[in-house]
Amino acid sequence: MVVFTAEIERFEKMGEKTGWTYVRIPADTAQLIKADCKKSYRVKGKLDNVAVSGMAMVPMGEGDFIIALKSSLRKELKKEEGAMVQLALEEHKDFKIDMPEDLELCLSEEKHLLEAFLRLPKGHQNYYFNWLNSAKTEKTRTKRLTQIVIAMDKKMDFGEMIRANKQ
C-alpha cells in the first residue's frame, strides 16, 4: 500500500474531462503503485478513512495519473476542491465488472456488435457497464442499451459515444 497526500483539484477546460474533480498522482508515486505502467488501471485502498475499490488511475502524460472523485465520494469525505486528502492505494489486480445480462443479449443479436465491444479496452467496457447500471429507470436503461448498440455498430469507444449523443 502506497500512502501519500494530495490536493483535490478540478479541471476548468480539459476536453471530455472538463469539470472533473480529481486528485493528481505524480509519476514517482504512480511508479510505486504499479511500476512501468503508462495506461489506465484500477486501484483500491482508502481516501482518508473511506474505503474505495475499482477506482481508475487515468494517465495524464509525463508519467502522472489522476483519479476522478465523484460527488458522492466527495460528500462522504466532506471535502471539495482545494482540500487535502490522504490516500493509501495499491493496484486492484482482480477488479472485474461482469457484463450486464441485458447488454450481452443485445450485443449478441449480431456477431459484429459483441466483437466490437470485446475489442474495447477493459476500462472502456467498464465505463459502458457503469453508465448502463447507473440508469435509474427502465426507460433510461433501454435508451442507454440502444445507444450502446449503435455505438458498437459504429465502433465507438465510450467517450466518442457520449460526445455523439450530446450533439
N, C-alpha and C. Protein backbone atom coordinates (compact mmCIF):
# COMPACT_ATOMS: atom_id res chain seq x y z
N MET A 1 0.87 -1.18 0.00
CA MET A 1 0.00 0.00 0.00
C MET A 1 0.91 1.23 0.00
N VAL A 2 0.67 2.13 -0.94
CA VAL A 2 1.43 3.38 -1.04
C VAL A 2 0.60 4.49 -0.39
N VAL A 3 1.17 5.19 0.59
CA VAL A 3 0.45 6.23 1.32
C VAL A 3 1.05 7.59 0.95
N PHE A 4 0.17 8.54 0.59
CA PHE A 4 0.61 9.90 0.25
C PHE A 4 -0.56 10.86 0.41
N THR A 5 -0.26 12.14 0.36
CA THR A 5 -1.28 13.18 0.47
C THR A 5 -1.36 13.95 -0.85
N ALA A 6 -2.58 14.30 -1.25
CA ALA A 6 -2.76 15.04 -2.50
C ALA A 6 -3.87 16.08 -2.31
N GLU A 7 -3.82 17.11 -3.14
CA GLU A 7 -4.84 18.15 -3.13
C GLU A 7 -5.95 17.80 -4.11
N ILE A 8 -7.19 18.04 -3.73
CA ILE A 8 -8.32 17.85 -4.63
C ILE A 8 -8.34 19.02 -5.60
N GLU A 9 -8.32 18.71 -6.90
CA GLU A 9 -8.30 19.72 -7.95
C GLU A 9 -9.51 19.57 -8.85
N ARG A 10 -9.68 20.53 -9.77
CA ARG A 10 -10.81 20.49 -10.70
C ARG A 10 -10.35 21.03 -12.05
N PHE A 11 -10.73 20.32 -13.13
CA PHE A 11 -10.43 20.78 -14.48
C PHE A 11 -11.42 21.86 -14.88
N GLU A 12 -10.92 23.02 -15.28
CA GLU A 12 -11.81 24.05 -15.82
C GLU A 12 -12.15 23.71 -17.27
N LYS A 13 -11.13 23.60 -18.12
CA LYS A 13 -11.33 23.22 -19.52
C LYS A 13 -10.31 22.16 -19.87
N MET A 14 -10.81 20.95 -20.18
CA MET A 14 -9.91 19.83 -20.47
C MET A 14 -10.65 18.81 -21.33
N GLY A 15 -11.23 19.26 -22.44
CA GLY A 15 -11.94 18.33 -23.33
C GLY A 15 -13.04 17.60 -22.59
N GLU A 16 -13.05 16.26 -22.73
CA GLU A 16 -14.10 15.45 -22.10
C GLU A 16 -13.98 15.43 -20.58
N LYS A 17 -12.84 15.88 -20.05
CA LYS A 17 -12.65 15.90 -18.59
C LYS A 17 -13.04 17.24 -17.96
N THR A 18 -13.56 18.17 -18.76
CA THR A 18 -13.96 19.48 -18.24
C THR A 18 -14.94 19.31 -17.08
N GLY A 19 -14.63 19.97 -15.96
CA GLY A 19 -15.48 19.91 -14.79
C GLY A 19 -15.17 18.77 -13.83
N TRP A 20 -14.29 17.84 -14.24
CA TRP A 20 -13.95 16.72 -13.36
C TRP A 20 -13.25 17.23 -12.11
N THR A 21 -13.56 16.65 -10.98
CA THR A 21 -12.83 16.87 -9.73
C THR A 21 -11.97 15.63 -9.54
N TYR A 22 -10.71 15.83 -9.16
CA TYR A 22 -9.76 14.72 -9.16
C TYR A 22 -8.62 14.96 -8.19
N VAL A 23 -7.81 13.93 -7.98
CA VAL A 23 -6.52 14.08 -7.31
C VAL A 23 -5.46 13.64 -8.31
N ARG A 24 -4.34 14.35 -8.30
CA ARG A 24 -3.22 14.03 -9.19
C ARG A 24 -2.26 13.11 -8.45
N ILE A 25 -1.82 12.08 -9.16
CA ILE A 25 -0.83 11.16 -8.61
C ILE A 25 0.45 11.38 -9.43
N PRO A 26 1.48 11.98 -8.80
CA PRO A 26 2.72 12.26 -9.52
C PRO A 26 3.37 10.96 -10.04
N ALA A 27 4.17 11.09 -11.08
CA ALA A 27 4.80 9.94 -11.73
C ALA A 27 5.56 9.06 -10.75
N ASP A 28 6.34 9.67 -9.85
CA ASP A 28 7.14 8.85 -8.92
C ASP A 28 6.25 8.03 -7.99
N THR A 29 5.13 8.59 -7.56
CA THR A 29 4.19 7.85 -6.70
C THR A 29 3.48 6.77 -7.50
N ALA A 30 3.06 7.09 -8.74
CA ALA A 30 2.40 6.11 -9.60
C ALA A 30 3.31 4.91 -9.85
N GLN A 31 4.61 5.15 -9.98
CA GLN A 31 5.57 4.07 -10.18
C GLN A 31 5.60 3.11 -8.99
N LEU A 32 5.39 3.64 -7.80
CA LEU A 32 5.37 2.80 -6.61
C LEU A 32 4.12 1.92 -6.56
N ILE A 33 3.02 2.43 -7.11
CA ILE A 33 1.77 1.67 -7.11
C ILE A 33 1.82 0.57 -8.17
N LYS A 34 2.24 0.94 -9.39
CA LYS A 34 2.38 -0.05 -10.49
C LYS A 34 3.51 0.42 -11.40
N ALA A 35 4.64 -0.23 -11.27
CA ALA A 35 5.84 0.18 -12.00
C ALA A 35 5.68 0.02 -13.51
N ASP A 36 6.26 0.97 -14.23
CA ASP A 36 6.34 0.94 -15.70
C ASP A 36 5.00 0.84 -16.41
N CYS A 37 3.96 1.36 -15.80
CA CYS A 37 2.64 1.35 -16.43
C CYS A 37 2.31 2.74 -16.94
N LYS A 38 1.86 2.82 -18.20
CA LYS A 38 1.53 4.10 -18.81
C LYS A 38 0.08 4.16 -19.25
N LYS A 39 -0.71 3.11 -18.93
CA LYS A 39 -2.11 3.13 -19.32
C LYS A 39 -2.99 3.00 -18.07
N SER A 40 -4.27 3.23 -18.26
CA SER A 40 -5.22 3.22 -17.16
C SER A 40 -5.29 1.85 -16.49
N TYR A 41 -5.44 1.86 -15.17
CA TYR A 41 -5.64 0.63 -14.41
C TYR A 41 -6.42 0.97 -13.15
N ARG A 42 -6.85 -0.06 -12.41
CA ARG A 42 -7.70 0.12 -11.24
C ARG A 42 -6.89 0.01 -9.95
N VAL A 43 -7.33 0.79 -8.95
CA VAL A 43 -6.69 0.76 -7.63
C VAL A 43 -7.76 0.58 -6.55
N LYS A 44 -7.28 0.16 -5.36
CA LYS A 44 -8.15 0.04 -4.19
C LYS A 44 -7.37 0.55 -3.00
N GLY A 45 -8.08 0.83 -1.92
CA GLY A 45 -7.43 1.31 -0.70
C GLY A 45 -8.34 2.25 0.06
N LYS A 46 -7.76 3.37 0.53
CA LYS A 46 -8.53 4.34 1.31
C LYS A 46 -8.19 5.76 0.88
N LEU A 47 -9.21 6.61 0.90
CA LEU A 47 -9.06 8.06 0.79
C LEU A 47 -9.53 8.58 2.14
N ASP A 48 -8.61 9.16 2.88
CA ASP A 48 -8.84 9.45 4.29
C ASP A 48 -9.28 8.14 4.95
N ASN A 49 -10.47 8.09 5.51
CA ASN A 49 -10.93 6.85 6.14
C ASN A 49 -12.01 6.14 5.33
N VAL A 50 -12.18 6.53 4.07
CA VAL A 50 -13.21 5.95 3.21
C VAL A 50 -12.58 4.87 2.33
N ALA A 51 -13.06 3.64 2.46
CA ALA A 51 -12.56 2.52 1.64
C ALA A 51 -13.06 2.68 0.21
N VAL A 52 -12.17 2.44 -0.74
CA VAL A 52 -12.52 2.52 -2.16
C VAL A 52 -11.96 1.29 -2.88
N SER A 53 -12.62 0.92 -3.97
CA SER A 53 -12.10 -0.17 -4.80
C SER A 53 -12.54 0.05 -6.24
N GLY A 54 -11.71 -0.41 -7.15
CA GLY A 54 -12.03 -0.31 -8.56
C GLY A 54 -11.93 1.08 -9.14
N MET A 55 -11.25 2.00 -8.46
CA MET A 55 -11.11 3.37 -8.98
C MET A 55 -10.08 3.38 -10.10
N ALA A 56 -10.37 4.11 -11.16
CA ALA A 56 -9.48 4.16 -12.32
C ALA A 56 -8.37 5.18 -12.11
N MET A 57 -7.14 4.74 -12.34
CA MET A 57 -5.98 5.64 -12.42
C MET A 57 -5.83 5.95 -13.91
N VAL A 58 -6.03 7.21 -14.28
CA VAL A 58 -6.03 7.62 -15.67
C VAL A 58 -4.73 8.37 -15.98
N PRO A 59 -3.99 7.93 -17.01
CA PRO A 59 -2.73 8.61 -17.35
C PRO A 59 -2.97 10.01 -17.90
N MET A 60 -2.08 10.94 -17.51
CA MET A 60 -2.20 12.33 -17.95
C MET A 60 -0.95 12.82 -18.69
N GLY A 61 -0.02 11.93 -18.98
CA GLY A 61 1.20 12.32 -19.66
C GLY A 61 2.31 12.59 -18.68
N GLU A 62 3.54 12.48 -19.15
CA GLU A 62 4.73 12.71 -18.31
C GLU A 62 4.78 11.74 -17.13
N GLY A 63 4.01 10.65 -17.17
CA GLY A 63 4.01 9.66 -16.09
C GLY A 63 3.03 9.94 -14.97
N ASP A 64 2.41 11.14 -14.98
CA ASP A 64 1.42 11.47 -13.95
C ASP A 64 0.09 10.78 -14.25
N PHE A 65 -0.70 10.54 -13.21
CA PHE A 65 -2.03 9.96 -13.33
C PHE A 65 -3.00 10.82 -12.53
N ILE A 66 -4.31 10.62 -12.77
CA ILE A 66 -5.33 11.23 -11.93
C ILE A 66 -6.33 10.16 -11.53
N ILE A 67 -7.04 10.43 -10.43
CA ILE A 67 -8.20 9.63 -10.03
C ILE A 67 -9.36 10.61 -9.90
N ALA A 68 -10.42 10.40 -10.69
CA ALA A 68 -11.60 11.26 -10.62
C ALA A 68 -12.37 10.96 -9.33
N LEU A 69 -12.90 12.02 -8.71
CA LEU A 69 -13.66 11.88 -7.47
C LEU A 69 -15.11 12.28 -7.71
N LYS A 70 -16.00 11.30 -7.72
CA LYS A 70 -17.42 11.57 -7.91
C LYS A 70 -17.94 12.41 -6.75
N SER A 71 -19.03 13.12 -7.00
CA SER A 71 -19.60 13.98 -5.96
C SER A 71 -20.01 13.18 -4.72
N SER A 72 -20.51 11.96 -4.92
CA SER A 72 -20.92 11.14 -3.77
C SER A 72 -19.72 10.81 -2.88
N LEU A 73 -18.56 10.57 -3.48
CA LEU A 73 -17.34 10.30 -2.71
C LEU A 73 -16.87 11.56 -1.99
N ARG A 74 -16.93 12.70 -2.68
CA ARG A 74 -16.54 13.97 -2.05
C ARG A 74 -17.44 14.29 -0.86
N LYS A 75 -18.73 13.99 -0.98
CA LYS A 75 -19.66 14.21 0.14
C LYS A 75 -19.29 13.31 1.31
N GLU A 76 -18.95 12.06 1.00
CA GLU A 76 -18.57 11.13 2.06
C GLU A 76 -17.28 11.58 2.74
N LEU A 77 -16.36 12.12 1.96
CA LEU A 77 -15.10 12.64 2.51
C LEU A 77 -15.30 13.98 3.22
N LYS A 78 -16.40 14.67 2.86
CA LYS A 78 -16.68 16.02 3.34
C LYS A 78 -15.59 16.99 2.89
N LYS A 79 -15.18 16.84 1.62
CA LYS A 79 -14.11 17.67 1.07
C LYS A 79 -14.42 18.05 -0.37
N GLU A 80 -13.95 19.22 -0.76
CA GLU A 80 -14.11 19.72 -2.12
C GLU A 80 -12.77 20.22 -2.64
N GLU A 81 -12.80 20.86 -3.80
CA GLU A 81 -11.61 21.41 -4.44
C GLU A 81 -10.78 22.24 -3.45
N GLY A 82 -9.47 22.01 -3.47
CA GLY A 82 -8.56 22.76 -2.61
C GLY A 82 -8.22 22.05 -1.31
N ALA A 83 -9.03 21.08 -0.90
CA ALA A 83 -8.77 20.33 0.34
C ALA A 83 -7.70 19.27 0.10
N MET A 84 -7.03 18.90 1.17
CA MET A 84 -6.02 17.84 1.11
C MET A 84 -6.67 16.53 1.55
N VAL A 85 -6.25 15.44 0.91
CA VAL A 85 -6.78 14.12 1.23
C VAL A 85 -5.61 13.14 1.31
N GLN A 86 -5.67 12.24 2.29
CA GLN A 86 -4.63 11.21 2.41
C GLN A 86 -5.10 9.97 1.67
N LEU A 87 -4.24 9.45 0.79
CA LEU A 87 -4.55 8.28 0.01
C LEU A 87 -3.65 7.13 0.42
N ALA A 88 -4.20 5.94 0.51
CA ALA A 88 -3.45 4.70 0.71
C ALA A 88 -3.94 3.76 -0.38
N LEU A 89 -3.11 3.55 -1.41
CA LEU A 89 -3.56 2.84 -2.60
C LEU A 89 -2.63 1.70 -2.98
N GLU A 90 -3.24 0.71 -3.65
CA GLU A 90 -2.49 -0.37 -4.29
C GLU A 90 -3.28 -0.79 -5.53
N GLU A 91 -2.61 -1.46 -6.44
CA GLU A 91 -3.28 -1.93 -7.66
C GLU A 91 -4.38 -2.91 -7.28
N HIS A 92 -5.52 -2.78 -7.93
CA HIS A 92 -6.65 -3.71 -7.72
C HIS A 92 -6.59 -4.72 -8.86
N LYS A 93 -5.78 -5.74 -8.67
CA LYS A 93 -5.47 -6.70 -9.74
C LYS A 93 -6.67 -7.55 -10.15
N ASP A 94 -7.52 -7.91 -9.23
CA ASP A 94 -8.63 -8.80 -9.55
C ASP A 94 -9.94 -8.07 -9.80
N PHE A 95 -9.87 -6.76 -10.09
CA PHE A 95 -11.10 -5.99 -10.32
C PHE A 95 -11.73 -6.41 -11.64
N LYS A 96 -13.02 -6.69 -11.59
CA LYS A 96 -13.75 -7.08 -12.79
C LYS A 96 -15.22 -6.73 -12.61
N ILE A 97 -15.80 -6.20 -13.65
CA ILE A 97 -17.24 -5.98 -13.66
C ILE A 97 -17.81 -6.92 -14.70
N ASP A 98 -18.78 -7.74 -14.31
CA ASP A 98 -19.40 -8.65 -15.26
C ASP A 98 -20.36 -7.89 -16.17
N MET A 99 -20.43 -8.35 -17.43
CA MET A 99 -21.32 -7.72 -18.39
C MET A 99 -22.77 -7.93 -17.97
N PRO A 100 -23.55 -6.85 -17.91
CA PRO A 100 -24.98 -7.00 -17.60
C PRO A 100 -25.66 -7.92 -18.62
N GLU A 101 -26.55 -8.74 -18.12
CA GLU A 101 -27.21 -9.74 -18.96
C GLU A 101 -27.95 -9.12 -20.15
N ASP A 102 -28.66 -8.01 -19.91
CA ASP A 102 -29.43 -7.40 -21.00
C ASP A 102 -28.51 -6.82 -22.07
N LEU A 103 -27.35 -6.31 -21.67
CA LEU A 103 -26.40 -5.80 -22.66
C LEU A 103 -25.83 -6.93 -23.49
N GLU A 104 -25.48 -8.02 -22.84
CA GLU A 104 -24.93 -9.17 -23.57
C GLU A 104 -25.96 -9.70 -24.57
N LEU A 105 -27.21 -9.75 -24.17
CA LEU A 105 -28.27 -10.21 -25.05
C LEU A 105 -28.41 -9.30 -26.27
N CYS A 106 -28.38 -7.98 -26.04
CA CYS A 106 -28.50 -7.02 -27.15
C CYS A 106 -27.31 -7.12 -28.11
N LEU A 107 -26.12 -7.22 -27.56
CA LEU A 107 -24.92 -7.27 -28.40
C LEU A 107 -24.78 -8.60 -29.12
N SER A 108 -25.37 -9.66 -28.57
CA SER A 108 -25.27 -10.99 -29.18
C SER A 108 -26.20 -11.15 -30.38
N GLU A 109 -27.12 -10.21 -30.55
CA GLU A 109 -28.05 -10.28 -31.68
C GLU A 109 -27.29 -10.32 -33.02
N GLU A 110 -26.20 -9.55 -33.08
CA GLU A 110 -25.37 -9.55 -34.29
C GLU A 110 -23.92 -9.70 -33.86
N LYS A 111 -23.24 -10.67 -34.47
CA LYS A 111 -21.89 -11.05 -34.07
C LYS A 111 -20.93 -9.87 -34.02
N HIS A 112 -21.00 -8.97 -35.00
CA HIS A 112 -20.03 -7.86 -35.08
C HIS A 112 -20.18 -6.88 -33.91
N LEU A 113 -21.37 -6.79 -33.33
CA LEU A 113 -21.58 -5.88 -32.20
C LEU A 113 -20.82 -6.36 -30.96
N LEU A 114 -20.97 -7.63 -30.62
CA LEU A 114 -20.27 -8.18 -29.47
C LEU A 114 -18.76 -8.17 -29.70
N GLU A 115 -18.33 -8.49 -30.92
CA GLU A 115 -16.89 -8.47 -31.23
C GLU A 115 -16.32 -7.06 -31.07
N ALA A 116 -17.06 -6.05 -31.53
CA ALA A 116 -16.60 -4.66 -31.38
C ALA A 116 -16.48 -4.30 -29.91
N PHE A 117 -17.45 -4.72 -29.10
CA PHE A 117 -17.41 -4.41 -27.67
C PHE A 117 -16.22 -5.08 -27.00
N LEU A 118 -16.00 -6.36 -27.31
CA LEU A 118 -14.91 -7.10 -26.68
C LEU A 118 -13.53 -6.63 -27.11
N ARG A 119 -13.45 -5.92 -28.24
CA ARG A 119 -12.17 -5.34 -28.69
C ARG A 119 -11.82 -4.07 -27.92
N LEU A 120 -12.80 -3.46 -27.26
CA LEU A 120 -12.53 -2.25 -26.47
C LEU A 120 -11.63 -2.58 -25.29
N PRO A 121 -10.81 -1.61 -24.86
CA PRO A 121 -10.04 -1.83 -23.62
C PRO A 121 -10.99 -2.07 -22.46
N LYS A 122 -10.55 -2.85 -21.48
CA LYS A 122 -11.38 -3.18 -20.32
C LYS A 122 -11.94 -1.92 -19.65
N GLY A 123 -11.14 -0.87 -19.59
CA GLY A 123 -11.59 0.37 -18.98
C GLY A 123 -12.82 0.94 -19.68
N HIS A 124 -12.82 0.92 -21.02
CA HIS A 124 -13.98 1.44 -21.76
C HIS A 124 -15.18 0.52 -21.59
N GLN A 125 -14.95 -0.79 -21.55
CA GLN A 125 -16.05 -1.71 -21.29
C GLN A 125 -16.68 -1.38 -19.94
N ASN A 126 -15.83 -1.15 -18.95
CA ASN A 126 -16.34 -0.83 -17.61
C ASN A 126 -17.08 0.50 -17.57
N TYR A 127 -16.62 1.50 -18.36
CA TYR A 127 -17.35 2.77 -18.45
C TYR A 127 -18.77 2.50 -18.94
N TYR A 128 -18.88 1.68 -20.00
CA TYR A 128 -20.21 1.33 -20.52
C TYR A 128 -21.04 0.62 -19.46
N PHE A 129 -20.45 -0.36 -18.76
CA PHE A 129 -21.19 -1.11 -17.74
C PHE A 129 -21.70 -0.17 -16.64
N ASN A 130 -20.81 0.66 -16.13
CA ASN A 130 -21.19 1.57 -15.04
C ASN A 130 -22.27 2.55 -15.49
N TRP A 131 -22.12 3.07 -16.70
CA TRP A 131 -23.09 4.03 -17.24
C TRP A 131 -24.46 3.36 -17.37
N LEU A 132 -24.48 2.16 -17.91
CA LEU A 132 -25.73 1.42 -18.07
C LEU A 132 -26.34 1.10 -16.71
N ASN A 133 -25.54 0.63 -15.79
CA ASN A 133 -26.04 0.23 -14.47
C ASN A 133 -26.45 1.40 -13.60
N SER A 134 -26.04 2.62 -13.97
CA SER A 134 -26.44 3.79 -13.17
C SER A 134 -27.79 4.37 -13.60
N ALA A 135 -28.39 3.80 -14.64
CA ALA A 135 -29.72 4.25 -15.07
C ALA A 135 -30.72 4.01 -13.94
N LYS A 136 -31.52 5.03 -13.65
CA LYS A 136 -32.45 4.93 -12.52
C LYS A 136 -33.83 4.39 -12.91
N THR A 137 -34.16 4.48 -14.21
CA THR A 137 -35.46 3.98 -14.65
C THR A 137 -35.26 2.98 -15.79
N GLU A 138 -36.26 2.16 -16.02
CA GLU A 138 -36.20 1.18 -17.11
C GLU A 138 -36.15 1.89 -18.46
N LYS A 139 -36.84 3.03 -18.57
CA LYS A 139 -36.84 3.80 -19.81
C LYS A 139 -35.42 4.30 -20.13
N THR A 140 -34.73 4.82 -19.12
CA THR A 140 -33.36 5.30 -19.32
C THR A 140 -32.43 4.14 -19.66
N ARG A 141 -32.60 3.02 -18.98
CA ARG A 141 -31.75 1.85 -19.25
C ARG A 141 -31.94 1.37 -20.69
N THR A 142 -33.17 1.32 -21.15
CA THR A 142 -33.46 0.90 -22.52
C THR A 142 -32.83 1.86 -23.53
N LYS A 143 -32.94 3.17 -23.26
CA LYS A 143 -32.34 4.17 -24.14
C LYS A 143 -30.82 3.98 -24.20
N ARG A 144 -30.20 3.72 -23.05
CA ARG A 144 -28.75 3.53 -23.00
C ARG A 144 -28.34 2.25 -23.71
N LEU A 145 -29.12 1.18 -23.57
CA LEU A 145 -28.82 -0.05 -24.30
C LEU A 145 -28.81 0.21 -25.81
N THR A 146 -29.80 0.97 -26.27
CA THR A 146 -29.88 1.32 -27.69
C THR A 146 -28.66 2.13 -28.11
N GLN A 147 -28.27 3.10 -27.30
CA GLN A 147 -27.10 3.93 -27.62
C GLN A 147 -25.82 3.09 -27.68
N ILE A 148 -25.70 2.12 -26.80
CA ILE A 148 -24.52 1.25 -26.81
C ILE A 148 -24.49 0.40 -28.07
N VAL A 149 -25.62 -0.17 -28.45
CA VAL A 149 -25.68 -0.99 -29.67
C VAL A 149 -25.29 -0.15 -30.88
N ILE A 150 -25.82 1.06 -30.99
CA ILE A 150 -25.47 1.95 -32.10
C ILE A 150 -23.98 2.28 -32.08
N ALA A 151 -23.44 2.54 -30.89
CA ALA A 151 -22.01 2.86 -30.75
C ALA A 151 -21.15 1.68 -31.19
N MET A 152 -21.54 0.47 -30.87
CA MET A 152 -20.76 -0.70 -31.27
C MET A 152 -20.84 -0.91 -32.77
N ASP A 153 -21.98 -0.60 -33.36
CA ASP A 153 -22.12 -0.70 -34.81
C ASP A 153 -21.18 0.28 -35.51
N LYS A 154 -20.96 1.43 -34.87
CA LYS A 154 -20.06 2.46 -35.42
C LYS A 154 -18.63 2.36 -34.87
N LYS A 155 -18.39 1.31 -34.05
CA LYS A 155 -17.07 1.05 -33.45
C LYS A 155 -16.56 2.24 -32.63
N MET A 156 -17.42 2.80 -31.78
CA MET A 156 -17.08 3.96 -30.95
C MET A 156 -16.63 3.51 -29.56
N ASP A 157 -15.64 4.22 -29.02
CA ASP A 157 -15.33 3.99 -27.61
C ASP A 157 -16.32 4.79 -26.78
N PHE A 158 -16.21 4.71 -25.46
CA PHE A 158 -17.20 5.35 -24.59
C PHE A 158 -17.25 6.86 -24.78
N GLY A 159 -16.10 7.52 -24.81
CA GLY A 159 -16.06 8.97 -24.97
C GLY A 159 -16.67 9.43 -26.29
N GLU A 160 -16.37 8.71 -27.37
CA GLU A 160 -16.94 9.06 -28.67
C GLU A 160 -18.46 8.92 -28.65
N MET A 161 -18.96 7.87 -28.00
CA MET A 161 -20.40 7.66 -27.93
C MET A 161 -21.07 8.77 -27.13
N ILE A 162 -20.50 9.14 -26.00
CA ILE A 162 -21.08 10.21 -25.17
C ILE A 162 -21.12 11.51 -25.95
N ARG A 163 -20.01 11.86 -26.60
CA ARG A 163 -19.96 13.12 -27.38
C ARG A 163 -20.95 13.10 -28.53
N ALA A 164 -21.09 11.97 -29.22
CA ALA A 164 -22.01 11.86 -30.34
C ALA A 164 -23.46 12.04 -29.88
N ASN A 165 -23.78 11.55 -28.69
CA ASN A 165 -25.15 11.65 -28.18
C ASN A 165 -25.47 13.02 -27.60
N LYS A 166 -24.46 13.85 -27.35
CA LYS A 166 -24.70 15.21 -26.86
C LYS A 166 -25.04 16.17 -27.98
N GLN A 167 -24.71 15.77 -29.22
CA GLN A 167 -24.93 16.67 -30.36
C GLN A 167 -26.36 16.67 -30.81
